[in-house]
Amino acid sequence: MIAAGSFESGDGDPEHAVDGNTDTFWHSRWSHDEAQPPHFLVIDYSRPVDIAGLIYTARVDSENGHIKDYEVYLSDDAKEWGTPAARGRFSSDQPEATIRLPCPVTAR
C-alpha cells in the first residue's frame, strides 16, 4: 500500500514513487488548494522486511518538486512510528542519494 498526505492526481500519484521509472514521480498537491508542508509518503509492505536504507531519486525533468529535508520513520504495525530512523538534507544538485540506516531494521 502506498499513501501520501497529498498528491497531484495524474502526474504525481504516490505509486509513482516506487514504480522503478525515473520518468514518473510523486508530487504533493500544487493545483486547487496547494498542500502545505510537512508532506509525507507511506510505503506499507504489509509484512515485515529488513530495511538497511533507501534510494532517493530526484525528479529528472524539473527542479520543482525536489525534496530538501527528510525524515525516515519505520513501523511494525503502520500505527506507531517512534523517532526518525534517519534524517537529513538533500543537496539541490544531487540527482540520486542513498540513505543508509545505522543498522538494518525489520519493519513493514
Protein backbone atom coordinates (compact mmCIF):
# COMPACT_ATOMS: atom_id res chain seq x y z
CA MET A 1 0.00 0.00 0.00
CA ILE A 2 1.24 3.48 -0.88
CA ALA A 3 -0.34 6.60 0.65
CA ALA A 4 0.55 10.28 0.79
CA GLY A 5 -0.52 13.33 2.75
CA SER A 6 -1.43 14.85 -0.61
CA PHE A 7 -0.67 14.25 -4.26
CA GLU A 8 -1.21 15.81 -7.65
CA SER A 9 -3.65 13.45 -9.35
CA GLY A 10 -2.39 12.09 -12.66
CA ASP A 11 1.27 13.15 -12.83
CA GLY A 12 2.10 12.96 -9.12
CA ASP A 13 0.34 9.82 -7.87
CA PRO A 14 2.01 8.18 -4.83
CA GLU A 15 2.52 4.90 -6.70
CA HIS A 16 4.98 6.69 -8.97
CA ALA A 17 7.44 6.96 -6.06
CA VAL A 18 8.09 3.20 -6.17
CA ASP A 19 7.32 2.17 -9.75
CA GLY A 20 11.00 1.94 -10.78
CA ASN A 21 10.52 4.52 -13.55
CA THR A 22 12.62 7.69 -13.13
CA ASP A 23 10.35 9.49 -15.62
CA THR A 24 7.45 9.36 -13.13
CA PHE A 25 7.30 10.94 -9.67
CA TRP A 26 5.14 11.55 -6.62
CA HIS A 27 4.32 15.23 -6.11
CA SER A 28 2.31 16.88 -3.35
CA ARG A 29 -0.83 18.70 -4.50
CA TRP A 30 0.05 22.02 -6.16
CA SER A 31 -3.15 22.86 -8.01
CA HIS A 32 -6.50 23.70 -6.44
CA ASP A 33 -5.57 24.49 -2.84
CA GLU A 34 -1.81 23.81 -2.73
CA ALA A 35 -0.83 21.38 0.05
CA GLN A 36 1.35 22.88 2.78
CA PRO A 37 4.30 21.13 4.45
CA PRO A 38 5.07 18.85 6.04
CA HIS A 39 4.45 16.39 3.20
CA PHE A 40 4.64 12.64 3.73
CA LEU A 41 4.64 9.37 1.82
CA VAL A 42 3.85 6.00 3.46
CA ILE A 43 5.03 2.72 1.94
CA ASP A 44 3.50 -0.29 3.70
CA TYR A 45 4.80 -3.71 2.65
CA SER A 46 2.08 -5.38 4.82
CA ARG A 47 4.68 -7.82 6.15
CA PRO A 48 8.00 -7.47 7.95
CA VAL A 49 11.00 -6.74 5.74
CA ASP A 50 14.62 -5.95 6.60
CA ILE A 51 15.45 -2.35 5.69
CA ALA A 52 19.05 -1.12 5.59
CA GLY A 53 18.39 2.06 3.64
CA LEU A 54 16.61 3.60 0.72
CA ILE A 55 17.44 5.38 -2.50
CA TYR A 56 16.02 8.81 -3.30
CA THR A 57 15.92 9.80 -6.96
CA ALA A 58 15.11 13.44 -7.66
CA ARG A 59 12.67 14.47 -10.35
CA VAL A 60 14.58 14.47 -13.64
CA ASP A 61 12.56 16.91 -15.75
CA SER A 62 12.43 19.91 -13.39
CA GLU A 63 13.93 21.43 -10.24
CA ASN A 64 10.37 21.83 -8.96
CA GLY A 65 9.28 19.12 -6.59
CA HIS A 66 12.67 18.10 -5.18
CA ILE A 67 12.81 17.05 -1.55
CA LYS A 68 15.05 19.23 0.60
CA ASP A 69 14.81 17.99 4.21
CA TYR A 70 13.72 14.45 5.04
CA GLU A 71 12.96 12.16 7.97
CA VAL A 72 12.51 8.39 7.64
CA TYR A 73 10.22 6.64 10.10
CA LEU A 74 9.74 2.88 10.37
CA SER A 75 6.92 0.91 11.98
CA ASP A 76 5.99 -2.68 12.81
CA ASP A 77 2.25 -2.00 12.64
CA ALA A 78 1.76 1.15 10.50
CA LYS A 79 0.38 2.92 13.59
CA GLU A 80 3.31 3.59 15.93
CA TRP A 81 6.23 5.38 14.26
CA GLY A 82 8.54 6.45 17.10
CA THR A 83 11.57 8.61 16.37
CA PRO A 84 13.19 9.03 12.94
CA ALA A 85 15.46 6.18 11.83
CA ALA A 86 17.24 8.72 9.63
CA ARG A 87 17.03 12.42 8.85
CA GLY A 88 18.96 14.80 6.70
CA ARG A 89 19.01 17.19 3.78
CA PHE A 90 19.45 16.51 0.08
CA SER A 91 21.62 18.80 -1.98
CA SER A 92 19.69 20.53 -4.78
CA ASP A 93 22.26 19.32 -7.32
CA GLN A 94 22.06 15.68 -6.20
CA PRO A 95 20.08 13.58 -8.72
CA GLU A 96 20.23 10.48 -6.52
CA ALA A 97 21.12 9.79 -2.90
CA THR A 98 21.32 6.69 -0.73
CA ILE A 99 20.10 6.96 2.85
CA ARG A 100 21.79 4.26 4.92
CA LEU A 101 20.41 3.34 8.33
CA PRO A 102 22.94 2.90 11.17
CA CYS A 103 21.88 -0.78 11.29
CA PRO A 104 19.22 -2.81 9.44
CA VAL A 105 15.71 -2.61 10.90
CA THR A 106 12.83 -5.04 10.49
CA ALA A 107 9.65 -3.10 9.74
CA ARG A 108 6.73 -3.27 7.39
